[in-house]
C-alpha atoms as a PDB file:
ATOM      1  CA  MET A   1       0.000   0.000   0.000  1.00  0.00           C
ATOM      2  CA  ALA A   2       1.336   3.432  -0.939  1.00  0.00           C
ATOM      3  CA  THR A   3       2.134   5.928   1.749  1.00  0.00           C
ATOM      4  CA  PRO A   4      -0.081   9.035   1.527  1.00  0.00           C
ATOM      5  CA  THR A   5       1.921  12.110   0.665  1.00  0.00           C
ATOM      6  CA  ARG A   6       1.383  15.305   2.535  1.00  0.00           C
ATOM      7  CA  PRO A   7       0.654  18.424   0.534  1.00  0.00           C
ATOM      8  CA  LYS A   8       3.530  20.822   0.139  1.00  0.00           C
ATOM      9  CA  PRO A   9       3.075  23.870   2.405  1.00  0.00           C
ATOM     10  CA  LEU A  10       2.531  27.257   0.807  1.00  0.00           C
ATOM     11  CA  PRO A  11       5.345  29.778   0.940  1.00  0.00           C
ATOM     12  CA  THR A  12       5.233  32.154   3.886  1.00  0.00           C
ATOM     13  CA  TYR A  13       4.585  35.201   1.741  1.00  0.00           C
ATOM     14  CA  TYR A  14       1.414  33.532   0.378  1.00  0.00           C
ATOM     15  CA  THR A  15       0.014  33.034   3.852  1.00  0.00           C
ATOM     16  CA  LEU A  16       1.018  36.544   4.905  1.00  0.00           C
ATOM     17  CA  GLY A  17      -0.612  38.003   1.790  1.00  0.00           C
ATOM     18  CA  ALA A  18      -3.766  35.968   2.300  1.00  0.00           C
ATOM     19  CA  GLY A  19      -4.013  37.139   5.906  1.00  0.00           C
ATOM     20  CA  ALA A  20      -3.541  40.783   4.938  1.00  0.00           C
ATOM     21  CA  ALA A  21      -6.138  40.511   2.180  1.00  0.00           C
ATOM     22  CA  ALA A  22      -8.613  38.872   4.566  1.00  0.00           C
ATOM     23  CA  GLY A  23      -8.152  41.650   7.115  1.00  0.00           C
ATOM     24  CA  VAL A  24      -8.640  44.395   4.529  1.00  0.00           C
ATOM     25  CA  PHE A  25     -11.706  42.666   3.067  1.00  0.00           C
ATOM     26  CA  GLU A  26     -13.259  42.199   6.500  1.00  0.00           C
ATOM     27  CA  LEU A  27     -12.702  45.830   7.388  1.00  0.00           C
ATOM     28  CA  ALA A  28     -14.086  47.028   4.050  1.00  0.00           C
ATOM     29  CA  CYS A  29     -17.263  45.037   4.634  1.00  0.00           C
ATOM     30  CA  LEU A  30     -17.854  45.804   8.297  1.00  0.00           C
ATOM     31  CA  TYR A  31     -16.623  49.401   8.664  1.00  0.00           C
ATOM     32  CA  PRO A  32     -19.803  50.991   7.204  1.00  0.00           C
ATOM     33  CA  LEU A  33     -21.901  49.043   9.707  1.00  0.00           C
ATOM     34  CA  ASP A  34     -19.670  50.291  12.508  1.00  0.00           C
ATOM     35  CA  VAL A  35     -20.179  53.873  11.306  1.00  0.00           C
ATOM     36  CA  VAL A  36     -23.954  53.388  11.319  1.00  0.00           C
ATOM     37  CA  LYS A  37     -23.862  51.806  14.785  1.00  0.00           C
ATOM     38  CA  THR A  38     -21.819  54.684  16.161  1.00  0.00           C
ATOM     39  CA  ARG A  39     -24.149  57.275  14.643  1.00  0.00           C
ATOM     40  CA  LEU A  40     -27.172  55.558  16.147  1.00  0.00           C
ATOM     41  CA  GLN A  41     -25.516  55.457  19.568  1.00  0.00           C
ATOM     42  CA  LEU A  42     -24.516  59.114  19.401  1.00  0.00           C
ATOM     43  CA  GLN A  43     -27.972  60.123  18.268  1.00  0.00           C
ATOM     44  CA  SER A  44     -29.597  58.613  21.339  1.00  0.00           C
ATOM     45  CA  LYS A  45     -26.984  60.139  23.696  1.00  0.00           C
ATOM     46  CA  GLN A  46     -27.415  63.626  22.251  1.00  0.00           C
ATOM     47  CA  LEU A  47     -31.086  63.667  23.173  1.00  0.00           C
ATOM     48  CA  GLY A  48     -30.253  62.853  26.788  1.00  0.00           C
ATOM     49  CA  ASP A  49     -32.997  60.372  27.530  1.00  0.00           C
ATOM     50  CA  GLY A  50     -31.094  57.438  26.065  1.00  0.00           C
ATOM     51  CA  LYS A  51     -34.001  56.437  23.856  1.00  0.00           C
ATOM     52  CA  GLY A  52     -34.016  58.929  20.983  1.00  0.00           C
ATOM     53  CA  PRO A  53     -35.628  58.385  17.632  1.00  0.00           C
ATOM     54  CA  SER A  54     -34.726  54.829  16.763  1.00  0.00           C
ATOM     55  CA  ARG A  55     -34.452  55.140  13.010  1.00  0.00           C
ATOM     56  CA  GLY A  56     -32.923  51.750  12.402  1.00  0.00           C
ATOM     57  CA  ILE A  57     -29.856  50.607  10.563  1.00  0.00           C
ATOM     58  CA  LEU A  58     -31.181  50.854   7.010  1.00  0.00           C
ATOM     59  CA  ARG A  59     -32.680  54.310   7.496  1.00  0.00           C
ATOM     60  CA  MET A  60     -29.472  55.610   9.053  1.00  0.00           C
ATOM     61  CA  LEU A  61     -27.416  54.053   6.258  1.00  0.00           C
ATOM     62  CA  SER A  62     -29.557  55.643   3.559  1.00  0.00           C
ATOM     63  CA  SER A  63     -29.527  58.971   5.405  1.00  0.00           C
ATOM     64  CA  ILE A  64     -25.730  59.012   5.566  1.00  0.00           C
ATOM     65  CA  MET A  65     -25.433  58.152   1.887  1.00  0.00           C
ATOM     66  CA  ARG A  66     -28.054  60.711   0.853  1.00  0.00           C
ATOM     67  CA  HIS A  67     -26.726  63.659   2.883  1.00  0.00           C
ATOM     68  CA  GLU A  68     -22.981  62.979   3.071  1.00  0.00           C
ATOM     69  CA  GLY A  69     -22.288  60.635   0.173  1.00  0.00           C
ATOM     70  CA  PHE A  70     -20.906  57.128  -0.078  1.00  0.00           C
ATOM     71  CA  SER A  71     -17.417  58.198   1.013  1.00  0.00           C
ATOM     72  CA  ALA A  72     -18.726  59.166   4.460  1.00  0.00           C
ATOM     73  CA  LEU A  73     -19.111  55.464   5.255  1.00  0.00           C
ATOM     74  CA  TYR A  74     -15.358  54.972   4.833  1.00  0.00           C
ATOM     75  CA  ARG A  75     -14.079  58.220   6.325  1.00  0.00           C
ATOM     76  CA  GLY A  76     -11.275  57.461   8.767  1.00  0.00           C
ATOM     77  CA  ILE A  77     -10.609  53.914   7.590  1.00  0.00           C
ATOM     78  CA  ALA A  78      -6.965  54.484   6.521  1.00  0.00           C
ATOM     79  CA  PRO A  79      -5.387  54.217  10.011  1.00  0.00           C
ATOM     80  CA  LEU A  80      -7.371  51.057  10.689  1.00  0.00           C
ATOM     81  CA  LEU A  81      -6.194  49.516   7.420  1.00  0.00           C
ATOM     82  CA  LEU A  82      -2.597  50.277   8.332  1.00  0.00           C
ATOM     83  CA  LEU A  83      -3.141  48.441  11.601  1.00  0.00           C
ATOM     84  CA  GLU A  84      -5.398  45.607  10.467  1.00  0.00           C
ATOM     85  CA  ALA A  85      -3.484  44.320   7.417  1.00  0.00           C
ATOM     86  CA  PRO A  86      -0.196  43.587   9.230  1.00  0.00           C
ATOM     87  CA  LYS A  87      -2.017  42.240  12.275  1.00  0.00           C
ATOM     88  CA  ARG A  88      -4.034  39.746  10.239  1.00  0.00           C
ATOM     89  CA  ALA A  89      -1.040  38.839   8.076  1.00  0.00           C
ATOM     90  CA  ILE A  90       1.053  37.974  11.112  1.00  0.00           C
ATOM     91  CA  LYS A  91      -1.781  36.110  12.813  1.00  0.00           C
ATOM     92  CA  PHE A  92      -2.677  34.100   9.715  1.00  0.00           C
ATOM     93  CA  GLY A  93       0.958  33.377   8.880  1.00  0.00           C
ATOM     94  CA  TYR A  94       1.668  32.266  12.434  1.00  0.00           C
ATOM     95  CA  VAL A  95      -1.339  29.951  12.556  1.00  0.00           C
ATOM     96  CA  CYS A  96      -0.479  28.349   9.206  1.00  0.00           C
ATOM     97  CA  THR A  97       3.174  27.963  10.149  1.00  0.00           C
ATOM     98  CA  GLY A  98       2.195  26.557  13.536  1.00  0.00           C
ATOM     99  CA  ARG A  99      -0.031  23.952  11.916  1.00  0.00           C
ATOM    100  CA  ILE A 100       2.745  22.883   9.584  1.00  0.00           C
ATOM    101  CA  CYS A 101       5.224  22.609  12.426  1.00  0.00           C
ATOM    102  CA  ALA A 102       2.723  20.719  14.558  1.00  0.00           C
ATOM    103  CA  THR A 103       2.065  18.114  11.873  1.00  0.00           C
ATOM    104  CA  GLN A 104       5.758  17.376  11.271  1.00  0.00           C
END
């Protein structure tokens, strides 16, 4: 019976690149929702009673896009990208390298 061969591990720069791309993609998808969440929280605090007009996520999202434009959803994302890409690259690269070392 033939011995099963293990797949050849990817080069480190592939895993680092994949981790960085995953971090940037995640941030690009979730950052607008974080902006909407923050606006909803600030809206209720400004009124003082903690309740405020609960407009909902979709109404707040459309309001931001209508009054401030699409770019307002991504305002301030650059510093987070500079932090997130290396963090995810290192984490993903470490996990993949750790798995390879653990299996050998």
